Amino acid sequence: MNNKSLRFSSILIALIIIFCAPFAIAQEVDDEHEFTYDVNSPNGPDHWGEIHPDWSMCNQGDLQSPIDLTHKRVQTTSRLGRLDRDYKPANTTLVNRGHDMMLKWIGGAGHIHINGTEYQLNQLHWHTPTEHTINGRRFNLELHMVHQSTDGKIAVVGIMYKIGRPDSLLSMMQPYFKALSSTKDVEKSIGIIDPREVKIGSRKYYRYIGSLTTPPCTQNVIWTIVKKVRTVSRAQLHTIREAVHDDAEANARPVQPLNNRWLKLYRPDDHQNY
C-alpha cells in the first residue's frame, strides 16, 4: 500500500470513529447478564456503576431515570405540542437480552419529532412492573419505545399498563415470546411489524430529561411518558416473565431522585386544533 492510500485509509478510519462514537456510547447494553435487578446482589442497581468504568453514570449521574411523576412538581403546559409520530411498518427481530425481550426494527420504523429534531424508532422492550411511578403508585408493565437521532441523541416514549383487557401488540407477540423462552442472545425474525400497533390513546404526556434505565445509564435522554395507563391481561404479563426466565420477580430499576429537574405535563389547549 503506497503512502497516499495509507493516508486515505487513516482518514477514513478516523471519520468512522468520529461519526459512529455517539451511537456506541448511547446505546443500551445488548447482553444484560452482567447486572441484576436484585437490590441485595453485589451486581444490583445500587452497584451498576461499579461493574464497568463506562457504567459509572449509573451511580454518579444526577439526571437518572426512572422517576416518580409526582403531581406536586408537575408544570402543566400546552406549549410542548402534540407527540408528532411518523411511524411505518418494517422488518423486525425479537431478542431475549437476559432480563427483557427486545423487539428491534431493522433499519428503523419511522420517526418522532421533538423540538425540531428527528428521532428514528429502533426498538421497544418491556419492564415488569413499571419503572416510572405516578404519585408513588407503581403499575404492572411499562413499554419503552427507544428512538435515536442521527447525532446519537436518545428519546424514549414510555407507556404504562395495569391489569385489565389484553393488549393487542402483546397478543400478536405471545407465540414468539414462547419460542424464545430460555433462549438468550438469539435473534428470531418476526417479520413486518407496524409500530402503530402500539396504542397510546391519550394526547396528554409527561416530559422530562433523564437517562437510560439500564447500563450504561446514559443521560440527557428525552423522556415522554403517556399519561393514560393502558391495560394488559394477567396471562400476557405472565408470558413475558416466563419468556425472560431469569429467575427474577421484576426487571424494573428503582425510582431515582428528581433533584432539580423540571417535570412537565402536556395538556392540549381546548382552543387549539389538536
Protein backbone atom coordinates (compact mmCIF):
# COMPACT_ATOMS: atom_id res chain seq x y z
CA MET A 1 0.00 0.00 0.00
CA ASN A 2 1.52 3.39 -1.02
CA ASN A 3 1.64 6.46 1.22
CA LYS A 4 -1.36 8.08 -0.48
CA SER A 5 -3.54 5.00 0.04
CA LEU A 6 -2.33 4.65 3.62
CA ARG A 7 -3.16 8.30 4.34
CA PHE A 8 -6.64 7.90 2.82
CA SER A 9 -7.30 4.76 4.90
CA SER A 10 -6.25 6.54 8.09
CA ILE A 11 -8.57 9.46 7.38
CA LEU A 12 -11.45 7.07 6.59
CA ILE A 13 -10.95 5.16 9.86
CA ALA A 14 -10.83 8.41 11.83
CA LEU A 15 -14.09 9.59 10.26
CA ILE A 16 -15.79 6.28 11.05
CA ILE A 17 -14.71 6.57 14.70
CA ILE A 18 -15.91 10.18 14.95
CA PHE A 19 -19.32 9.58 13.41
CA CYS A 20 -20.04 6.21 14.97
CA ALA A 21 -18.91 7.05 18.51
CA PRO A 22 -22.18 8.67 19.66
CA PHE A 23 -24.14 5.55 18.72
CA ALA A 24 -21.78 3.21 20.56
CA ILE A 25 -21.81 5.33 23.69
CA ALA A 26 -25.53 5.95 23.83
CA GLN A 27 -27.00 2.50 23.28
CA GLU A 28 -28.28 0.20 25.99
CA VAL A 29 -26.28 -2.98 26.54
CA ASP A 30 -27.38 -5.90 24.38
CA ASP A 31 -26.21 -8.52 26.90
CA GLU A 32 -27.84 -7.96 30.28
CA HIS A 33 -26.23 -10.90 32.10
CA GLU A 34 -23.60 -8.81 33.90
CA PHE A 35 -26.09 -6.93 36.07
CA THR A 36 -29.16 -7.84 38.06
CA TYR A 37 -32.27 -6.14 39.44
CA ASP A 38 -31.86 -7.85 42.83
CA VAL A 39 -31.26 -4.99 45.29
CA ASN A 40 -29.41 -7.37 47.62
CA SER A 41 -26.93 -8.51 44.95
CA PRO A 42 -23.39 -7.08 44.55
CA ASN A 43 -24.39 -6.57 40.88
CA GLY A 44 -27.74 -4.99 41.82
CA PRO A 45 -28.99 -1.48 40.92
CA ASP A 46 -27.02 0.26 43.69
CA HIS A 47 -23.79 -1.18 42.27
CA TRP A 48 -24.28 -0.95 38.49
CA GLY A 49 -21.85 1.96 38.31
CA GLU A 50 -19.09 -0.17 39.86
CA ILE A 51 -19.26 -3.06 37.38
CA HIS A 52 -17.58 -1.24 34.44
CA PRO A 53 -15.89 2.19 34.27
CA ASP A 54 -18.19 3.26 31.42
CA TRP A 55 -21.21 2.44 33.60
CA SER A 56 -20.17 4.95 36.28
CA MET A 57 -23.06 7.30 35.39
CA CYS A 58 -25.48 4.76 36.93
CA ASN A 59 -24.17 5.74 40.38
CA GLN A 60 -22.85 9.26 39.79
CA GLY A 61 -25.39 10.85 37.44
CA ASP A 62 -27.88 13.43 38.71
CA LEU A 63 -30.31 13.08 35.77
CA GLN A 64 -31.15 9.40 36.25
CA SER A 65 -34.33 7.52 35.33
CA PRO A 66 -36.90 6.33 36.23
CA ILE A 67 -38.53 8.92 38.49
CA ASP A 68 -41.79 9.38 40.35
CA LEU A 69 -44.11 11.54 38.26
CA THR A 70 -45.31 13.42 41.30
CA HIS A 71 -48.04 15.98 40.70
CA LYS A 72 -46.51 18.22 43.36
CA ARG A 73 -43.69 19.03 40.93
CA VAL A 74 -45.56 18.91 37.61
CA GLN A 75 -45.88 22.06 35.49
CA THR A 76 -48.90 21.80 33.19
CA THR A 77 -48.39 23.34 29.74
CA SER A 78 -49.85 23.32 26.23
CA ARG A 79 -46.66 24.62 24.64
CA LEU A 80 -44.83 21.30 24.22
CA GLY A 81 -47.10 20.37 21.31
CA ARG A 82 -48.69 17.05 20.47
CA LEU A 83 -46.46 14.00 20.16
CA ASP A 84 -45.51 14.06 16.48
CA ARG A 85 -45.24 10.43 15.36
CA ASP A 86 -44.47 9.39 11.78
CA TYR A 87 -44.11 5.62 12.04
CA LYS A 88 -44.07 2.97 9.31
CA PRO A 89 -44.09 -0.86 9.18
CA ALA A 90 -40.66 -2.53 9.00
CA ASN A 91 -38.99 -5.90 9.41
CA THR A 92 -38.24 -6.91 12.99
CA THR A 93 -36.31 -9.37 15.11
CA LEU A 94 -37.02 -10.41 18.69
CA VAL A 95 -34.14 -10.83 21.17
CA ASN A 96 -34.12 -12.21 24.71
CA ARG A 97 -31.42 -9.93 26.17
CA GLY A 98 -31.27 -11.65 29.53
CA HIS A 99 -33.65 -9.52 31.63
CA ASP A 100 -36.08 -8.36 28.93
CA MET A 101 -37.48 -9.08 25.49
CA MET A 102 -36.48 -6.54 22.82
CA LEU A 103 -38.29 -6.08 19.51
CA LYS A 104 -35.85 -4.47 17.07
CA TRP A 105 -36.77 -2.83 13.76
CA ILE A 106 -34.23 -3.46 11.01
CA GLY A 107 -33.27 -0.07 9.60
CA GLY A 108 -35.77 1.78 11.79
CA ALA A 109 -39.55 2.15 11.65
CA GLY A 110 -40.16 5.83 11.10
CA HIS A 111 -39.64 8.77 13.41
CA ILE A 112 -40.87 11.12 16.07
CA HIS A 113 -40.05 14.82 16.06
CA ILE A 114 -39.21 16.74 19.24
CA ASN A 115 -38.11 20.38 19.24
CA GLY A 116 -37.22 20.20 15.56
CA THR A 117 -35.07 17.07 15.90
CA GLU A 118 -35.95 13.80 14.17
CA TYR A 119 -35.53 10.60 16.19
CA GLN A 120 -35.70 7.22 14.45
CA LEU A 121 -37.59 4.39 16.16
CA ASN A 122 -35.14 1.50 16.60
CA GLN A 123 -36.56 -0.85 19.22
CA LEU A 124 -39.01 -1.41 22.04
CA HIS A 125 -38.92 -3.56 25.17
CA TRP A 126 -40.95 -4.21 28.31
CA HIS A 127 -40.37 -3.85 32.07
CA THR A 128 -42.41 -5.53 34.81
CA PRO A 129 -43.58 -3.85 36.95
CA THR A 130 -43.42 -0.23 35.75
CA GLU A 131 -40.18 1.66 36.32
CA HIS A 132 -41.82 5.09 36.50
CA THR A 133 -44.44 5.70 39.16
CA ILE A 134 -47.27 8.23 39.34
CA ASN A 135 -47.60 9.87 42.75
CA GLY A 136 -45.79 6.87 44.21
CA ARG A 137 -48.03 4.29 42.55
CA ARG A 138 -46.38 1.52 40.53
CA PHE A 139 -48.33 -0.27 37.79
CA ASN A 140 -47.88 -3.72 36.22
CA LEU A 141 -45.99 -3.18 32.96
CA GLU A 142 -44.06 -0.44 31.16
CA LEU A 143 -43.25 -0.35 27.43
CA HIS A 144 -40.27 1.67 26.20
CA MET A 145 -40.02 2.77 22.55
CA VAL A 146 -36.39 3.79 22.01
CA HIS A 147 -35.55 6.38 19.35
CA GLN A 148 -32.24 7.91 18.26
CA SER A 149 -31.27 10.93 16.18
CA THR A 150 -28.53 10.94 13.55
CA ASP A 151 -26.15 12.58 16.05
CA GLY A 152 -26.77 9.96 18.73
CA LYS A 153 -29.33 11.71 20.95
CA ILE A 154 -31.97 9.46 22.51
CA ALA A 155 -35.70 9.93 23.03
CA VAL A 156 -37.84 7.30 24.75
CA VAL A 157 -41.62 7.07 24.71
CA GLY A 158 -42.98 5.17 27.72
CA ILE A 159 -46.45 3.65 28.17
CA MET A 160 -47.68 2.13 31.43
CA TYR A 161 -50.19 -0.70 31.82
CA LYS A 162 -52.39 -2.13 34.58
CA ILE A 163 -54.22 -5.45 34.72
CA GLY A 164 -57.34 -5.47 32.55
CA ARG A 165 -58.18 -6.27 28.93
CA PRO A 166 -55.44 -7.84 26.74
CA ASP A 167 -53.07 -5.60 24.80
CA SER A 168 -53.25 -6.11 21.01
CA LEU A 169 -49.48 -5.97 20.36
CA LEU A 170 -48.74 -8.45 23.12
CA SER A 171 -51.43 -10.78 21.78
CA MET A 172 -49.52 -10.75 18.49
CA MET A 173 -46.18 -11.34 20.23
CA GLN A 174 -47.14 -14.17 22.62
CA PRO A 175 -46.22 -17.09 20.31
CA TYR A 176 -42.79 -15.55 19.66
CA PHE A 177 -42.16 -15.00 23.38
CA LYS A 178 -42.81 -18.69 23.99
CA ALA A 179 -40.50 -19.69 21.14
CA LEU A 180 -37.62 -17.69 22.67
CA SER A 181 -38.26 -18.76 26.25
CA SER A 182 -34.96 -19.66 27.97
CA THR A 183 -33.05 -18.84 24.76
CA LYS A 184 -30.65 -15.97 25.39
CA ASP A 185 -28.97 -13.71 22.81
CA VAL A 186 -30.67 -15.35 19.82
CA GLU A 187 -32.41 -13.09 17.31
CA LYS A 188 -35.61 -14.53 15.87
CA SER A 189 -37.05 -12.96 12.74
CA ILE A 190 -40.64 -11.87 13.35
CA GLY A 191 -41.40 -10.26 10.01
CA ILE A 192 -43.03 -6.88 9.42
CA ILE A 193 -44.49 -5.14 12.48
CA ASP A 194 -46.26 -1.78 12.31
CA PRO A 195 -45.30 0.33 15.37
CA ARG A 196 -48.72 1.97 15.11
CA GLU A 197 -49.96 -1.27 16.70
CA VAL A 198 -48.73 0.29 19.94
CA LYS A 199 -51.84 2.13 21.08
CA ILE A 200 -51.40 5.35 23.03
CA GLY A 201 -54.97 6.60 23.40
CA SER A 202 -54.12 9.92 25.00
CA ARG A 203 -52.75 13.25 23.87
CA LYS A 204 -51.52 14.05 27.38
CA TYR A 205 -47.98 13.13 28.35
CA TYR A 206 -45.26 13.83 30.91
CA ARG A 207 -41.89 15.17 29.67
CA TYR A 208 -38.55 15.40 31.46
CA ILE A 209 -34.82 14.88 30.86
CA GLY A 210 -33.43 11.66 32.28
CA SER A 211 -31.31 8.63 31.38
CA LEU A 212 -31.40 5.09 30.10
CA THR A 213 -32.76 2.85 32.87
CA THR A 214 -30.21 0.10 32.15
CA PRO A 215 -26.41 0.35 31.97
CA PRO A 216 -24.62 2.44 30.85
CA CYS A 217 -27.36 4.79 32.20
CA THR A 218 -26.53 7.43 29.58
CA GLN A 219 -28.01 10.83 30.50
CA ASN A 220 -29.75 13.64 28.59
CA VAL A 221 -32.41 11.25 27.30
CA ILE A 222 -35.71 12.97 26.44
CA TRP A 223 -38.49 11.04 28.18
CA THR A 224 -42.13 11.20 27.08
CA ILE A 225 -44.44 9.18 29.34
CA VAL A 226 -48.03 8.84 28.12
CA LYS A 227 -50.41 9.92 30.90
CA LYS A 228 -53.10 7.34 30.14
CA VAL A 229 -52.45 3.99 31.83
CA ARG A 230 -53.50 1.26 29.39
CA THR A 231 -54.36 -2.39 30.14
CA VAL A 232 -52.69 -5.78 29.81
CA SER A 233 -54.06 -9.17 30.79
CA ARG A 234 -52.60 -11.16 33.67
CA ALA A 235 -51.84 -14.01 31.24
CA GLN A 236 -49.84 -11.67 28.98
CA LEU A 237 -47.87 -10.42 31.94
CA HIS A 238 -47.10 -14.00 32.95
CA THR A 239 -45.98 -14.87 29.40
CA ILE A 240 -43.42 -12.05 29.34
CA ARG A 241 -41.89 -13.03 32.67
CA GLU A 242 -41.84 -16.72 31.73
CA ALA A 243 -40.15 -15.95 28.41
CA VAL A 244 -37.33 -13.96 30.03
CA HIS A 245 -36.87 -16.79 32.54
CA ASP A 246 -34.14 -15.03 34.55
CA ASP A 247 -35.41 -16.19 37.97
CA ALA A 248 -36.20 -12.57 38.87
CA GLU A 249 -39.53 -11.27 40.09
CA ALA A 250 -39.03 -7.97 38.27
CA ASN A 251 -36.84 -6.11 35.79
CA ALA A 252 -37.58 -2.56 36.95
CA ARG A 253 -34.91 -0.18 38.19
CA PRO A 254 -35.79 1.60 41.47
CA VAL A 255 -37.01 5.19 41.26
CA GLN A 256 -34.21 7.77 41.16
CA PRO A 257 -34.10 11.27 42.73
CA LEU A 258 -35.72 14.03 40.67
CA ASN A 259 -33.17 16.55 42.01
CA ASN A 260 -33.71 19.99 40.47
CA ARG A 261 -35.14 18.82 37.15
CA TRP A 262 -38.29 20.23 35.60
CA LEU A 263 -41.21 17.88 35.06
CA LYS A 264 -43.92 18.94 32.63
CA LEU A 265 -47.36 17.62 31.73
CA TYR A 266 -48.54 18.42 28.23
CA ARG A 267 -52.25 19.12 28.06
CA PRO A 268 -53.70 20.41 24.77
CA ASP A 269 -55.33 23.81 24.86
CA ASP A 270 -59.03 23.25 24.09
CA HIS A 271 -58.94 26.28 21.80
CA GLN A 272 -56.20 24.79 19.65
CA ASN A 273 -56.90 22.40 16.80
CA TYR A 274 -55.43 19.17 18.18
